[in-house]
């Protein structure tokens, strides 16, 4: 199944997603992440301009905010099913 940015964010809001992406240095990284309010610690609003090419997420293993470029996604695993990303 193919998903876009909006669908990916919805999956992240309601659960944990595994994303494999290519880092800027070319290495592959697998990250288990979420945007679920049940997991993410409370944050304050910032006035930063949103970059729609980059998605900030909560890394559930490192317990910290991380981000990845959407165009560098290799695969997405949602509920045990591999999904393709179309941007």
Protein backbone atom coordinates (compact mmCIF):
# COMPACT_ATOMS: atom_id res chain seq x y z
CA UNK A 1 0.00 0.00 0.00
CA UNK A 2 1.24 3.49 -0.84
CA UNK A 3 0.92 6.43 1.57
CA UNK A 4 1.55 10.16 1.38
CA UNK A 5 2.78 12.71 3.95
CA UNK A 6 -0.66 13.32 5.44
CA UNK A 7 -1.33 9.59 5.88
CA UNK A 8 2.11 9.05 7.44
CA UNK A 9 1.45 11.80 9.99
CA UNK A 10 -1.92 10.25 10.84
CA UNK A 11 -0.29 6.86 11.48
CA UNK A 12 2.34 8.56 13.65
CA UNK A 13 -0.34 10.40 15.66
CA UNK A 14 -2.13 7.18 16.54
CA UNK A 15 0.72 4.74 17.02
CA UNK A 16 4.30 3.73 16.53
CA UNK A 17 5.79 3.53 13.04
CA UNK A 18 9.15 2.16 11.90
CA UNK A 19 10.76 4.30 9.23
CA UNK A 20 13.88 3.36 7.28
CA UNK A 21 15.51 6.34 5.62
CA UNK A 22 18.79 7.41 4.09
CA UNK A 23 20.71 9.83 6.29
CA UNK A 24 22.42 12.88 4.79
CA UNK A 25 25.76 11.02 4.88
CA UNK A 26 24.24 8.14 2.87
CA UNK A 27 23.91 5.64 5.74
CA UNK A 28 20.59 3.86 6.23
CA UNK A 29 18.86 4.38 9.57
CA UNK A 30 15.87 2.53 11.02
CA UNK A 31 13.89 4.58 13.50
CA UNK A 32 10.90 3.60 15.61
CA UNK A 33 8.95 6.80 16.06
CA UNK A 34 5.62 8.40 16.90
CA UNK A 35 3.69 11.64 17.28
CA UNK A 36 1.21 10.08 19.71
CA UNK A 37 0.34 12.39 22.61
CA UNK A 38 0.34 9.31 24.85
CA UNK A 39 4.10 8.89 24.26
CA UNK A 40 5.51 12.31 23.32
CA UNK A 41 6.37 14.56 26.28
CA UNK A 42 4.61 17.93 26.51
CA UNK A 43 6.25 20.55 24.32
CA UNK A 44 5.93 24.28 23.98
CA UNK A 45 5.03 25.93 20.72
CA UNK A 46 7.83 27.50 18.74
CA UNK A 47 7.72 30.09 16.04
CA UNK A 48 9.95 28.22 13.63
CA UNK A 49 8.90 28.10 10.01
CA UNK A 50 7.74 24.60 9.10
CA UNK A 51 9.85 22.79 6.52
CA UNK A 52 7.47 20.44 4.73
CA UNK A 53 10.42 18.41 3.39
CA UNK A 54 11.46 17.35 6.91
CA UNK A 55 9.32 15.54 9.48
CA UNK A 56 10.15 15.89 13.19
CA UNK A 57 9.14 12.82 15.22
CA UNK A 58 9.68 11.35 18.68
CA UNK A 59 12.25 8.52 18.52
CA UNK A 60 10.88 5.95 20.97
CA UNK A 61 14.25 4.23 21.42
CA UNK A 62 16.38 7.34 21.99
CA UNK A 63 13.55 9.14 23.82
CA UNK A 64 14.31 12.34 21.94
CA UNK A 65 13.12 14.41 19.01
CA UNK A 66 14.65 13.42 15.67
CA UNK A 67 13.76 14.22 12.09
CA UNK A 68 14.20 12.84 8.60
CA UNK A 69 13.77 14.13 5.08
CA UNK A 70 10.62 12.74 3.51
CA UNK A 71 12.28 12.25 0.14
CA UNK A 72 14.89 9.99 1.80
CA UNK A 73 12.38 7.41 3.08
CA UNK A 74 13.24 3.89 1.96
CA UNK A 75 10.39 2.02 3.71
CA UNK A 76 7.70 2.42 6.34
CA UNK A 77 6.39 -0.34 8.60
CA UNK A 78 2.92 0.27 10.06
CA UNK A 79 1.19 -2.42 12.07
CA UNK A 80 3.54 -5.09 10.72
CA UNK A 81 2.87 -4.14 7.08
CA UNK A 82 5.48 -2.57 4.82
CA UNK A 83 4.22 0.56 3.05
CA UNK A 84 5.60 2.57 0.17
CA UNK A 85 5.87 6.35 0.48
CA UNK A 86 4.95 8.67 -2.39
CA UNK A 87 5.57 12.08 -0.87
